[in-house]
Amino acid sequence: MLLIGYPSCLNTSYTTFSLFYQHQRWFVLASCPRHGIRSIPKFQFSVTDRYFRTCFFTFQQPLQPQLAKHINRCIRLGTQKGVKELSIYFCVPDYYRLPEATLSVKELVVCRLAGCILSGPINWPSLRELSLKQVKICDQRIFDNLVFTCPFIEKFALVECDGLKYLHLSGLRKLKKVKVKRQSFPLMEKIEIDVVSLHTFSYSPFYFEKTHIDLTSCKNLEVFKFKGCTESFRKYLKNLNQIKRVTLCIFCYSSSGFEKIVSKVSDPVLHITHLKLKTYIIEKKGHSLVDVLFCICRPESLFLVSGRGTNDEFMKILCKKLVRRVKHNHLNGWQHDLKGVQIERCGRNGYRKVVTCDAFLDSLQTLEPKETIRFEFEWSFNSLP
């Protein structure tokens, strides 16, 4: 690797080129040039301010004209070198408007943008992976045009972006993964994905944002990752029984949401095969959370990682309920439907051990950080209602 002072080296050929502007100085990190190839397949550009915190990201004013001029020149030269993977990252309280030449790079396969503003038509016909983080989209038509001109996208991420009230993805025959994370106003009203090939969908709402999500056309959707409150999770999944793997990051600040779901025990049970859970509960409502989850679904396996959030407390409560189930014959709900359970501890060093509920309760104090705990459940019915 080679460290260079100012980006005059863009006239040379590199396999990877990373350009950073920090504290009014240029820093360039580039791989050694290859003979006979005058191109930069991978171009990375970053402008950061150590006093600026990304959680307060705003678009208040454009960059200083002189700085924007230098940045435009560097990015324009870089994208003219046959770049296939482009990463542009701005972590400053100002926005950066991408030059027009960057919006029509036909060889571009992977594009990651952060802290930028999209205000013109985009044409990336070879694009396979697109990640937008803290990007301001000036007009709904700009995003619709982007989807239309990039028909081969396989992975798409929209993280903490501004400007879209409606996300509609269709006509993308190769789309496999979509991630949407919300963290600003205005609220997103609707997410509609009409893609049969979609396999994984990740969604993190903005606080109690009530976005209507329509995934009914995603017939091959198998993995759903959700970060939010339990009540919203059930609403989004109630018509998606083909989902097999679900990852939940549960937040709860009161017991009202739990009580509403637990009271609806007659609702259809979701056919979720594998459930991975991470809990963040301020109030000690672990007992209600256990009942909520098993009112929603009867998973074959449940995965938790020790030492994260309040997972250890959740596992303790679950095991106590399982032990109590063995000692009492008159049980209702999910405990009545459960025939048996097996607990497996999996350490990071390859350690594996199958234990009983009593033995697991006795060993809670010895759990290693990031140890994976796998609960295998056997239910009294062969198929779900």
Foldseek 3Di string as FASTA:
>chain_A
DDKDWDPPCLQAAFQAWAWEAEPNTIIIDTDDHDPPAQAHQYYHYEYAYPVFDCLPADADEADDPVVLVRVQVNVLSRLVRLYAAYHYEYRDNHEHEHDPSVQARQNHAHYAYYRYEYDDAHAHQNYAEYHYAQYEYQEPVNVVNVLVRHQAHAEYEAHQYDDAQEAEHDNNARHAEYEYEHADDDARAEYEYQYQNYAEYEYEHHAPGDHHYHPPNNVNHAEYEYEEALLSVLVNCLNPLNHAEYEYEHEDADCVSLVVQLVPLVRFARNYAEYEYAYAYPDPPLLSVVSNVQSRHDYQKYKYFPPGHCRLVNLLNVLVVQVVLVVDDDDDDPSPFWDDKWKWKADPVRDIDIDHSVVCNVCSVVDDGRIMMMMGTDTNDDDTD
